[in-house]
């Protein structure tokens, strides 16, 4: 899979584009399980900053990590239904649940009652 295509997919996840993400998962089912081979570092971070959620994409992050950071519960459920691993770890050892817990904004997009 092409890294740029995966990063574009992750941005669609963050934006909550359910129909487009679903279509992309049918075309590229590995996107649900893929971990980003690249991400923010101290030397280069700006290309990996995701403005709508004020969060960085790190190497090892999955689409599920960013769905969690964006509080996109329906998106997370879609990714899990396509094989996303809830226990996947990024390069720092963070799992998707860590991103829900460490995001510094109130829950939205379906996580209100969790």
N, C-alpha and C. Protein backbone atom coordinates (compact mmCIF):
# COMPACT_ATOMS: atom_id res chain seq x y z
N UNK A 1 0.83 -1.19 0.00
CA UNK A 1 0.00 0.00 0.00
C UNK A 1 0.87 1.24 0.00
N UNK A 2 0.42 2.21 -0.67
CA UNK A 2 1.14 3.46 -0.74
C UNK A 2 0.89 4.29 0.52
N UNK A 3 1.97 4.79 1.10
CA UNK A 3 1.88 5.56 2.34
C UNK A 3 1.00 6.79 2.19
N UNK A 4 1.14 7.52 1.11
CA UNK A 4 0.33 8.73 0.92
C UNK A 4 -1.16 8.41 0.84
N UNK A 5 -1.49 7.30 0.20
CA UNK A 5 -2.89 6.89 0.11
C UNK A 5 -3.44 6.55 1.50
N UNK A 6 -2.62 5.90 2.32
CA UNK A 6 -3.06 5.57 3.67
C UNK A 6 -3.26 6.83 4.50
N UNK A 7 -2.35 7.78 4.40
CA UNK A 7 -2.49 9.03 5.15
C UNK A 7 -3.74 9.78 4.70
N UNK A 8 -4.03 9.77 3.41
CA UNK A 8 -5.25 10.40 2.92
C UNK A 8 -6.48 9.68 3.49
N UNK A 9 -6.40 8.36 3.58
CA UNK A 9 -7.48 7.57 4.16
C UNK A 9 -7.70 7.96 5.63
N UNK A 10 -6.61 8.09 6.38
CA UNK A 10 -6.70 8.46 7.79
C UNK A 10 -7.37 9.83 7.93
N UNK A 11 -7.05 10.74 7.06
CA UNK A 11 -7.68 12.07 7.11
C UNK A 11 -9.19 11.97 6.88
N UNK A 12 -9.61 11.07 5.98
CA UNK A 12 -11.05 10.85 5.77
C UNK A 12 -11.70 10.28 7.03
N UNK A 13 -10.99 9.40 7.71
CA UNK A 13 -11.48 8.83 8.96
C UNK A 13 -11.70 9.95 9.98
N UNK A 14 -10.72 10.81 10.14
CA UNK A 14 -10.81 11.92 11.10
C UNK A 14 -11.97 12.86 10.73
N UNK A 15 -12.17 13.09 9.46
CA UNK A 15 -13.23 13.99 9.01
C UNK A 15 -14.62 13.37 9.12
N UNK A 16 -14.67 12.06 9.38
CA UNK A 16 -15.96 11.39 9.55
C UNK A 16 -16.66 11.06 8.25
N UNK A 17 -15.92 10.91 7.18
CA UNK A 17 -16.48 10.62 5.87
C UNK A 17 -16.82 9.13 5.76
N UNK A 18 -17.90 8.71 6.43
CA UNK A 18 -18.25 7.29 6.53
C UNK A 18 -18.41 6.61 5.17
N UNK A 19 -19.15 7.21 4.26
CA UNK A 19 -19.39 6.57 2.97
C UNK A 19 -18.10 6.40 2.18
N UNK A 20 -17.28 7.43 2.18
CA UNK A 20 -16.02 7.37 1.45
C UNK A 20 -15.08 6.36 2.09
N UNK A 21 -15.01 6.36 3.41
CA UNK A 21 -14.16 5.40 4.12
C UNK A 21 -14.64 3.98 3.84
N UNK A 22 -15.93 3.76 3.88
CA UNK A 22 -16.48 2.44 3.59
C UNK A 22 -16.10 1.99 2.17
N UNK A 23 -16.25 2.90 1.21
CA UNK A 23 -15.86 2.58 -0.17
C UNK A 23 -14.37 2.25 -0.26
N UNK A 24 -13.56 3.04 0.43
CA UNK A 24 -12.11 2.81 0.41
C UNK A 24 -11.76 1.46 1.04
N UNK A 25 -12.46 1.09 2.10
CA UNK A 25 -12.20 -0.20 2.75
C UNK A 25 -12.56 -1.37 1.83
N UNK A 26 -13.58 -1.19 1.01
CA UNK A 26 -13.92 -2.25 0.05
C UNK A 26 -12.85 -2.37 -1.04
N UNK A 27 -12.27 -1.25 -1.43
CA UNK A 27 -11.21 -1.27 -2.45
C UNK A 27 -9.86 -1.67 -1.88
N UNK A 28 -9.59 -1.24 -0.64
CA UNK A 28 -8.30 -1.48 0.02
C UNK A 28 -8.54 -1.98 1.44
N UNK A 29 -8.96 -3.23 1.60
CA UNK A 29 -9.31 -3.73 2.94
C UNK A 29 -8.16 -3.68 3.94
N UNK A 30 -6.92 -3.65 3.47
CA UNK A 30 -5.79 -3.60 4.39
C UNK A 30 -5.69 -2.26 5.12
N UNK A 31 -6.38 -1.24 4.63
CA UNK A 31 -6.35 0.06 5.32
C UNK A 31 -6.87 -0.07 6.75
N UNK A 32 -7.78 -1.00 7.01
CA UNK A 32 -8.33 -1.17 8.35
C UNK A 32 -7.29 -1.68 9.33
N UNK A 33 -6.30 -2.42 8.83
CA UNK A 33 -5.30 -3.04 9.69
C UNK A 33 -3.92 -2.40 9.59
N UNK A 34 -3.73 -1.59 8.57
CA UNK A 34 -2.41 -1.03 8.29
C UNK A 34 -1.94 -0.05 9.37
N UNK A 35 -0.67 -0.15 9.69
CA UNK A 35 -0.03 0.82 10.59
C UNK A 35 0.81 1.76 9.74
N UNK A 36 0.77 3.02 10.06
CA UNK A 36 1.53 4.00 9.30
C UNK A 36 3.03 3.73 9.43
N UNK A 37 3.74 3.62 8.32
CA UNK A 37 5.18 3.41 8.38
C UNK A 37 5.95 4.70 8.70
N UNK A 38 5.27 5.82 8.64
CA UNK A 38 5.89 7.12 8.90
C UNK A 38 5.04 7.89 9.89
N UNK A 39 5.61 8.96 10.41
CA UNK A 39 4.86 9.80 11.32
C UNK A 39 5.70 10.93 11.87
N UNK A 40 5.11 11.69 12.74
CA UNK A 40 5.77 12.85 13.32
C UNK A 40 6.99 12.44 14.14
N UNK A 41 8.03 13.23 13.99
CA UNK A 41 9.25 13.08 14.80
C UNK A 41 9.64 14.47 15.29
N UNK A 42 10.64 14.54 16.12
CA UNK A 42 11.11 15.85 16.57
C UNK A 42 11.69 16.66 15.43
N UNK A 43 12.27 15.98 14.46
CA UNK A 43 12.88 16.67 13.32
C UNK A 43 11.85 17.10 12.28
N UNK A 44 10.79 16.30 12.12
CA UNK A 44 9.78 16.62 11.11
C UNK A 44 8.41 16.23 11.64
N UNK A 45 7.61 17.24 11.94
CA UNK A 45 6.29 16.94 12.48
C UNK A 45 5.15 17.56 11.68
N UNK A 46 5.36 18.71 11.09
CA UNK A 46 4.24 19.43 10.48
C UNK A 46 3.49 18.65 9.40
N UNK A 47 4.13 17.83 8.56
CA UNK A 47 3.34 17.08 7.56
C UNK A 47 2.38 16.07 8.19
N UNK A 48 2.61 15.75 9.45
CA UNK A 48 1.82 14.72 10.12
C UNK A 48 0.85 15.29 11.15
N UNK A 49 0.71 16.61 11.17
CA UNK A 49 -0.23 17.25 12.10
C UNK A 49 -1.61 17.24 11.47
N UNK A 50 -2.59 16.76 12.21
CA UNK A 50 -3.96 16.69 11.72
C UNK A 50 -4.75 17.79 12.40
N UNK A 51 -4.89 18.87 11.71
CA UNK A 51 -5.46 20.12 12.23
C UNK A 51 -6.83 19.97 12.90
N UNK A 52 -7.80 19.28 12.29
CA UNK A 52 -9.13 19.24 12.89
C UNK A 52 -9.17 18.69 14.32
N UNK A 53 -8.20 17.87 14.68
CA UNK A 53 -8.20 17.31 16.03
C UNK A 53 -6.95 17.69 16.82
N UNK A 54 -6.13 18.55 16.25
CA UNK A 54 -4.89 19.00 16.91
C UNK A 54 -4.08 17.82 17.42
N UNK A 55 -3.84 16.87 16.53
CA UNK A 55 -3.16 15.63 16.91
C UNK A 55 -2.19 15.25 15.79
N UNK A 56 -1.10 14.61 16.17
CA UNK A 56 -0.13 14.13 15.19
C UNK A 56 -0.37 12.67 14.84
N UNK A 57 -0.03 12.31 13.64
CA UNK A 57 0.03 10.91 13.22
C UNK A 57 1.45 10.45 13.51
N UNK A 58 1.59 9.36 14.25
CA UNK A 58 2.90 8.82 14.58
C UNK A 58 3.10 7.49 13.86
N UNK A 59 4.33 7.13 13.62
CA UNK A 59 4.63 5.83 13.03
C UNK A 59 3.99 4.75 13.89
N UNK A 60 3.33 3.83 13.25
CA UNK A 60 2.66 2.76 13.95
C UNK A 60 1.19 3.03 14.23
N UNK A 61 0.76 4.29 14.08
CA UNK A 61 -0.65 4.59 14.25
C UNK A 61 -1.46 3.89 13.16
N UNK A 62 -2.64 3.45 13.54
CA UNK A 62 -3.59 2.89 12.60
C UNK A 62 -4.72 3.89 12.40
N UNK A 63 -5.57 3.61 11.44
CA UNK A 63 -6.75 4.46 11.25
C UNK A 63 -7.60 4.45 12.52
N UNK A 64 -7.61 3.33 13.22
CA UNK A 64 -8.37 3.24 14.47
C UNK A 64 -7.81 4.17 15.54
N UNK A 65 -6.50 4.31 15.60
CA UNK A 65 -5.90 5.28 16.54
C UNK A 65 -6.48 6.68 16.30
N UNK A 66 -6.54 7.08 15.03
CA UNK A 66 -7.00 8.43 14.73
C UNK A 66 -8.50 8.57 14.83
N UNK A 67 -9.25 7.50 14.56
CA UNK A 67 -10.70 7.54 14.79
C UNK A 67 -10.96 7.75 16.28
N UNK A 68 -10.17 7.09 17.12
CA UNK A 68 -10.30 7.26 18.57
C UNK A 68 -9.94 8.68 18.99
N UNK A 69 -8.85 9.20 18.45
CA UNK A 69 -8.42 10.56 18.80
C UNK A 69 -9.47 11.59 18.38
N UNK A 70 -10.20 11.30 17.32
CA UNK A 70 -11.23 12.21 16.82
C UNK A 70 -12.60 11.94 17.45
N UNK A 71 -12.67 10.96 18.37
CA UNK A 71 -13.94 10.56 18.98
C UNK A 71 -14.97 10.18 17.94
N UNK A 72 -14.55 9.45 16.94
CA UNK A 72 -15.43 8.99 15.86
C UNK A 72 -15.83 7.54 16.12
N UNK A 73 -16.74 7.35 17.07
CA UNK A 73 -17.14 6.00 17.45
C UNK A 73 -17.71 5.20 16.28
N UNK A 74 -18.66 5.73 15.50
CA UNK A 74 -19.17 4.94 14.37
C UNK A 74 -18.05 4.56 13.39
N UNK A 75 -17.09 5.45 13.21
CA UNK A 75 -15.96 5.16 12.34
C UNK A 75 -15.11 4.04 12.94
N UNK A 76 -14.88 4.12 14.24
CA UNK A 76 -14.12 3.07 14.92
C UNK A 76 -14.82 1.73 14.77
N UNK A 77 -16.13 1.71 14.92
CA UNK A 77 -16.89 0.47 14.76
C UNK A 77 -16.76 -0.08 13.34
N UNK A 78 -16.79 0.81 12.36
CA UNK A 78 -16.63 0.39 10.97
C UNK A 78 -15.25 -0.24 10.75
N UNK A 79 -14.23 0.41 11.27
CA UNK A 79 -12.87 -0.11 11.13
C UNK A 79 -12.71 -1.46 11.82
N UNK A 80 -13.27 -1.60 13.01
CA UNK A 80 -13.20 -2.86 13.74
C UNK A 80 -13.92 -3.96 12.97
N UNK A 81 -15.07 -3.63 12.39
CA UNK A 81 -15.81 -4.60 11.59
C UNK A 81 -15.00 -5.08 10.39
N UNK A 82 -14.05 -4.26 9.96
CA UNK A 82 -13.18 -4.62 8.84
C UNK A 82 -11.83 -5.16 9.31
N UNK A 83 -11.71 -5.48 10.58
CA UNK A 83 -10.52 -6.16 11.07
C UNK A 83 -9.50 -5.32 11.82
N UNK A 84 -9.82 -4.06 12.10
CA UNK A 84 -8.88 -3.22 12.87
C UNK A 84 -8.65 -3.83 14.24
N UNK A 85 -7.42 -3.75 14.72
CA UNK A 85 -7.03 -4.33 16.00
C UNK A 85 -7.09 -3.27 17.10
N UNK A 86 -7.97 -3.48 18.06
CA UNK A 86 -8.14 -2.54 19.18
C UNK A 86 -6.90 -2.46 20.06
N UNK A 87 -6.03 -3.44 19.99
CA UNK A 87 -4.84 -3.48 20.83
C UNK A 87 -3.56 -3.14 20.08
N UNK A 88 -3.70 -2.65 18.85
CA UNK A 88 -2.50 -2.30 18.09
C UNK A 88 -1.76 -1.16 18.79
N UNK A 89 -0.44 -1.22 18.71
CA UNK A 89 0.41 -0.22 19.38
C UNK A 89 1.21 0.55 18.35
N UNK A 90 1.33 1.85 18.57
CA UNK A 90 2.19 2.64 17.70
C UNK A 90 3.64 2.57 18.20
N UNK A 91 4.52 3.36 17.62
CA UNK A 91 5.94 3.27 17.98
C UNK A 91 6.22 3.64 19.43
N UNK A 92 5.28 4.32 20.07
CA UNK A 92 5.45 4.72 21.47
C UNK A 92 4.70 3.79 22.43
N UNK A 93 4.05 2.76 21.86
CA UNK A 93 3.32 1.82 22.68
C UNK A 93 1.88 2.22 22.96
N UNK A 94 1.40 3.30 22.36
CA UNK A 94 0.03 3.76 22.59
C UNK A 94 -0.96 2.95 21.75
N UNK A 95 -2.05 2.56 22.39
CA UNK A 95 -3.14 1.86 21.74
C UNK A 95 -4.25 2.88 21.43
N UNK A 96 -5.20 2.51 20.57
CA UNK A 96 -6.29 3.45 20.26
C UNK A 96 -7.00 4.01 21.50
N UNK A 97 -7.22 3.17 22.51
CA UNK A 97 -7.89 3.65 23.72
C UNK A 97 -7.10 4.76 24.40
N UNK A 98 -5.77 4.72 24.31
CA UNK A 98 -4.97 5.80 24.88
C UNK A 98 -5.32 7.14 24.22
N UNK A 99 -5.59 7.09 22.92
CA UNK A 99 -5.89 8.33 22.21
C UNK A 99 -7.24 8.90 22.63
N UNK A 100 -8.19 8.06 22.96
CA UNK A 100 -9.46 8.56 23.48
C UNK A 100 -9.22 9.24 24.82
N UNK A 101 -8.39 8.62 25.64
CA UNK A 101 -8.16 9.12 27.00
C UNK A 101 -7.29 10.37 27.04
N UNK A 102 -6.35 10.52 26.10
CA UNK A 102 -5.42 11.66 26.20
C UNK A 102 -5.78 12.84 25.33
N UNK A 103 -6.88 12.76 24.63
CA UNK A 103 -7.30 13.87 23.79
C UNK A 103 -7.88 14.96 24.67
N UNK A 104 -7.46 16.18 24.42
CA UNK A 104 -7.82 17.28 25.32
C UNK A 104 -9.01 18.09 24.82
N UNK A 105 -10.05 17.40 24.42
CA UNK A 105 -11.29 18.08 24.08
C UNK A 105 -12.44 17.20 24.49
N UNK A 106 -13.61 17.77 24.68
CA UNK A 106 -14.74 16.96 25.16
C UNK A 106 -15.15 15.91 24.13
N UNK A 107 -15.68 14.79 24.58
CA UNK A 107 -16.13 13.75 23.67
C UNK A 107 -17.18 14.28 22.70
N UNK A 108 -17.14 13.76 21.49
CA UNK A 108 -18.12 14.12 20.47
C UNK A 108 -18.24 12.96 19.50
N UNK A 109 -19.14 13.07 18.60
CA UNK A 109 -19.29 12.11 17.50
C UNK A 109 -19.58 10.70 17.99
N UNK A 110 -20.32 10.53 19.06
CA UNK A 110 -20.77 9.21 19.45
C UNK A 110 -20.12 8.60 20.67
N UNK A 111 -19.13 9.26 21.27
CA UNK A 111 -18.50 8.71 22.47
C UNK A 111 -19.09 9.31 23.74
N UNK A 112 -20.13 10.13 23.64
CA UNK A 112 -20.67 10.84 24.79
C UNK A 112 -21.12 9.90 25.91
N UNK A 113 -21.65 8.76 25.55
CA UNK A 113 -22.25 7.85 26.54
C UNK A 113 -21.36 6.68 26.90
N UNK A 114 -20.12 6.74 26.60
CA UNK A 114 -19.20 5.63 26.90
C UNK A 114 -18.61 5.77 28.28
